[in-house]
Amino acid sequence: MPKANPSPRTDTAPISYEAALQELEGLVQQMESGQLPLNQLLSGYQRGAELLAYCRAQLDAVEQQIKVLDDGVLKPWTSA
């Protein structure tokens, strides 16, 4: 019985927020296509959860840096 080839995935932290977001978007597209076997859906979901946690942590870290730069007050975003 042939083994199913797992989808390409890395269990390491992404290089950057942008790389994580790009990988996450690709995973979502694959999962939404409805063409992945169940085992690949599960591993894709797990990797997606890891990537989402990484992105949230990166955004939280940037928000904390902004608070420090703005004397502890997060100012509302205004477009110039």
N, C-alpha and C. Protein backbone atom coordinates (compact mmCIF):
# COMPACT_ATOMS: atom_id res chain seq x y z
N MET A 1 0.85 -1.18 0.00
CA MET A 1 0.00 0.00 0.00
C MET A 1 0.89 1.24 0.00
N PRO A 2 0.74 2.15 -0.96
CA PRO A 2 1.60 3.34 -1.02
C PRO A 2 1.28 4.31 0.09
N LYS A 3 2.32 4.96 0.55
CA LYS A 3 2.15 5.97 1.60
C LYS A 3 1.82 7.31 0.97
N ALA A 4 0.99 8.08 1.67
CA ALA A 4 0.65 9.43 1.19
C ALA A 4 1.85 10.33 1.44
N ASN A 5 2.16 11.13 0.45
CA ASN A 5 3.25 12.09 0.61
C ASN A 5 2.76 13.27 1.43
N PRO A 6 3.44 13.57 2.54
CA PRO A 6 3.01 14.72 3.34
C PRO A 6 3.26 16.01 2.59
N SER A 7 2.45 17.01 2.91
CA SER A 7 2.64 18.31 2.28
C SER A 7 3.93 18.93 2.78
N PRO A 8 4.60 19.71 1.94
CA PRO A 8 5.84 20.34 2.39
C PRO A 8 5.57 21.28 3.55
N ARG A 9 6.32 21.10 4.61
CA ARG A 9 6.10 21.93 5.79
C ARG A 9 7.35 21.91 6.62
N THR A 10 7.58 22.97 7.30
CA THR A 10 8.73 23.02 8.19
C THR A 10 8.22 23.25 9.60
N ASP A 11 8.88 22.61 10.55
CA ASP A 11 8.48 22.76 11.94
C ASP A 11 9.34 23.79 12.65
N THR A 12 10.02 24.61 11.91
CA THR A 12 10.87 25.63 12.50
C THR A 12 10.15 26.97 12.46
N ALA A 13 10.65 27.86 13.27
CA ALA A 13 10.07 29.21 13.29
C ALA A 13 10.40 29.90 11.97
N PRO A 14 9.47 30.67 11.46
CA PRO A 14 9.71 31.39 10.21
C PRO A 14 10.83 32.41 10.36
N ILE A 15 11.39 32.80 9.23
CA ILE A 15 12.47 33.78 9.21
C ILE A 15 11.95 35.15 9.63
N SER A 16 10.73 35.46 9.20
CA SER A 16 10.18 36.78 9.49
C SER A 16 8.66 36.69 9.57
N TYR A 17 8.06 37.78 10.01
CA TYR A 17 6.60 37.89 10.05
C TYR A 17 6.03 37.71 8.65
N GLU A 18 6.66 38.34 7.69
CA GLU A 18 6.19 38.29 6.31
C GLU A 18 6.23 36.87 5.76
N ALA A 19 7.32 36.13 6.09
CA ALA A 19 7.45 34.75 5.64
C ALA A 19 6.37 33.88 6.28
N ALA A 20 6.10 34.11 7.56
CA ALA A 20 5.07 33.36 8.26
C ALA A 20 3.70 33.63 7.67
N LEU A 21 3.43 34.88 7.38
CA LEU A 21 2.14 35.26 6.80
C LEU A 21 1.97 34.64 5.42
N GLN A 22 3.03 34.64 4.62
CA GLN A 22 2.97 34.05 3.29
C GLN A 22 2.71 32.54 3.37
N GLU A 23 3.42 31.87 4.28
CA GLU A 23 3.21 30.43 4.46
C GLU A 23 1.79 30.14 4.94
N LEU A 24 1.31 30.96 5.86
CA LEU A 24 -0.04 30.78 6.38
C LEU A 24 -1.08 30.96 5.29
N GLU A 25 -0.92 31.96 4.45
CA GLU A 25 -1.84 32.18 3.34
C GLU A 25 -1.84 31.00 2.38
N GLY A 26 -0.67 30.44 2.11
CA GLY A 26 -0.57 29.27 1.24
C GLY A 26 -1.28 28.07 1.83
N LEU A 27 -1.11 27.87 3.14
CA LEU A 27 -1.80 26.77 3.82
C LEU A 27 -3.31 26.92 3.73
N VAL A 28 -3.79 28.12 3.94
CA VAL A 28 -5.23 28.36 3.88
C VAL A 28 -5.76 28.06 2.49
N GLN A 29 -5.04 28.47 1.46
CA GLN A 29 -5.47 28.20 0.09
C GLN A 29 -5.53 26.71 -0.18
N GLN A 30 -4.51 25.97 0.27
CA GLN A 30 -4.50 24.52 0.08
C GLN A 30 -5.68 23.86 0.80
N MET A 31 -5.92 24.29 2.03
CA MET A 31 -6.98 23.68 2.82
C MET A 31 -8.35 24.01 2.23
N GLU A 32 -8.53 25.23 1.76
CA GLU A 32 -9.81 25.63 1.19
C GLU A 32 -10.08 24.97 -0.16
N SER A 33 -9.04 24.49 -0.82
CA SER A 33 -9.22 23.86 -2.12
C SER A 33 -10.01 22.56 -2.02
N GLY A 34 -9.98 21.94 -0.84
CA GLY A 34 -10.71 20.69 -0.65
C GLY A 34 -10.03 19.49 -1.27
N GLN A 35 -8.80 19.63 -1.70
CA GLN A 35 -8.09 18.55 -2.39
C GLN A 35 -7.09 17.81 -1.51
N LEU A 36 -6.92 18.23 -0.25
CA LEU A 36 -5.94 17.59 0.62
C LEU A 36 -6.56 16.41 1.37
N PRO A 37 -5.80 15.33 1.52
CA PRO A 37 -6.27 14.22 2.35
C PRO A 37 -6.37 14.65 3.82
N LEU A 38 -7.12 13.91 4.58
CA LEU A 38 -7.39 14.26 5.98
C LEU A 38 -6.12 14.44 6.80
N ASN A 39 -5.15 13.53 6.64
CA ASN A 39 -3.92 13.65 7.44
C ASN A 39 -3.16 14.94 7.12
N GLN A 40 -3.20 15.36 5.85
CA GLN A 40 -2.53 16.61 5.49
C GLN A 40 -3.31 17.82 5.98
N LEU A 41 -4.63 17.70 6.04
CA LEU A 41 -5.44 18.78 6.60
C LEU A 41 -5.09 19.00 8.07
N LEU A 42 -4.95 17.90 8.79
CA LEU A 42 -4.63 18.01 10.22
C LEU A 42 -3.25 18.62 10.43
N SER A 43 -2.25 18.15 9.67
CA SER A 43 -0.91 18.71 9.84
C SER A 43 -0.87 20.16 9.37
N GLY A 44 -1.64 20.49 8.33
CA GLY A 44 -1.72 21.88 7.87
C GLY A 44 -2.36 22.78 8.91
N TYR A 45 -3.40 22.27 9.56
CA TYR A 45 -4.07 23.04 10.61
C TYR A 45 -3.11 23.28 11.78
N GLN A 46 -2.36 22.27 12.16
CA GLN A 46 -1.41 22.41 13.26
C GLN A 46 -0.33 23.43 12.91
N ARG A 47 0.20 23.34 11.70
CA ARG A 47 1.23 24.30 11.28
C ARG A 47 0.64 25.71 11.22
N GLY A 48 -0.59 25.81 10.72
CA GLY A 48 -1.25 27.11 10.66
C GLY A 48 -1.41 27.73 12.04
N ALA A 49 -1.75 26.90 13.03
CA ALA A 49 -1.88 27.40 14.40
C ALA A 49 -0.53 27.89 14.93
N GLU A 50 0.55 27.18 14.58
CA GLU A 50 1.89 27.61 14.99
C GLU A 50 2.25 28.95 14.34
N LEU A 51 1.96 29.06 13.06
CA LEU A 51 2.27 30.30 12.34
C LEU A 51 1.45 31.47 12.86
N LEU A 52 0.19 31.22 13.16
CA LEU A 52 -0.67 32.27 13.70
C LEU A 52 -0.15 32.74 15.06
N ALA A 53 0.26 31.81 15.91
CA ALA A 53 0.81 32.18 17.21
C ALA A 53 2.09 33.01 17.03
N TYR A 54 2.93 32.62 16.07
CA TYR A 54 4.16 33.36 15.80
C TYR A 54 3.82 34.79 15.35
N CYS A 55 2.87 34.93 14.42
CA CYS A 55 2.50 36.25 13.92
C CYS A 55 1.94 37.12 15.04
N ARG A 56 1.08 36.55 15.87
CA ARG A 56 0.51 37.31 16.99
C ARG A 56 1.61 37.76 17.95
N ALA A 57 2.56 36.88 18.22
CA ALA A 57 3.66 37.24 19.12
C ALA A 57 4.49 38.38 18.53
N GLN A 58 4.75 38.32 17.23
CA GLN A 58 5.51 39.39 16.58
C GLN A 58 4.76 40.71 16.65
N LEU A 59 3.45 40.68 16.40
CA LEU A 59 2.65 41.91 16.46
C LEU A 59 2.61 42.46 17.89
N ASP A 60 2.47 41.57 18.88
CA ASP A 60 2.48 42.01 20.28
C ASP A 60 3.81 42.67 20.65
N ALA A 61 4.91 42.08 20.17
CA ALA A 61 6.23 42.64 20.47
C ALA A 61 6.38 44.03 19.86
N VAL A 62 5.91 44.20 18.65
CA VAL A 62 5.99 45.52 18.00
C VAL A 62 5.11 46.51 18.75
N GLU A 63 3.93 46.08 19.17
CA GLU A 63 3.03 46.97 19.92
C GLU A 63 3.69 47.43 21.22
N GLN A 64 4.39 46.52 21.90
CA GLN A 64 5.08 46.88 23.13
C GLN A 64 6.20 47.88 22.85
N GLN A 65 6.90 47.70 21.76
CA GLN A 65 7.96 48.65 21.40
C GLN A 65 7.39 50.03 21.11
N ILE A 66 6.24 50.06 20.45
CA ILE A 66 5.59 51.34 20.15
C ILE A 66 5.16 52.03 21.44
N LYS A 67 4.64 51.25 22.40
CA LYS A 67 4.24 51.83 23.68
C LYS A 67 5.44 52.46 24.39
N VAL A 68 6.58 51.79 24.34
CA VAL A 68 7.78 52.32 24.96
C VAL A 68 8.19 53.62 24.28
N LEU A 69 8.15 53.63 22.97
CA LEU A 69 8.54 54.83 22.22
C LEU A 69 7.57 55.98 22.47
N ASP A 70 6.32 55.69 22.76
CA ASP A 70 5.31 56.71 22.99
C ASP A 70 5.02 56.90 24.48
N ASP A 71 6.00 56.65 25.33
CA ASP A 71 5.89 56.84 26.78
C ASP A 71 4.74 56.05 27.39
N GLY A 72 4.56 54.82 26.96
CA GLY A 72 3.58 53.94 27.58
C GLY A 72 2.17 54.13 27.13
N VAL A 73 1.94 55.01 26.19
CA VAL A 73 0.58 55.26 25.70
C VAL A 73 0.51 54.83 24.24
N LEU A 74 -0.40 53.92 23.96
CA LEU A 74 -0.60 53.53 22.58
C LEU A 74 -1.53 54.53 21.93
N LYS A 75 -0.99 55.27 20.99
CA LYS A 75 -1.75 56.35 20.35
C LYS A 75 -2.56 55.81 19.17
N PRO A 76 -3.72 56.38 18.91
CA PRO A 76 -4.51 55.92 17.76
C PRO A 76 -3.80 56.20 16.44
N TRP A 77 -4.01 55.31 15.50
CA TRP A 77 -3.40 55.45 14.18
C TRP A 77 -4.13 56.51 13.39
N THR A 78 -3.39 57.45 12.83
CA THR A 78 -3.99 58.45 11.96
C THR A 78 -3.20 58.46 10.67
N SER A 79 -3.90 58.52 9.55
CA SER A 79 -3.20 58.57 8.27
C SER A 79 -2.78 60.01 7.99
N ALA A 80 -1.63 60.15 7.40
CA ALA A 80 -1.08 61.49 7.15
C ALA A 80 -1.63 62.08 5.89
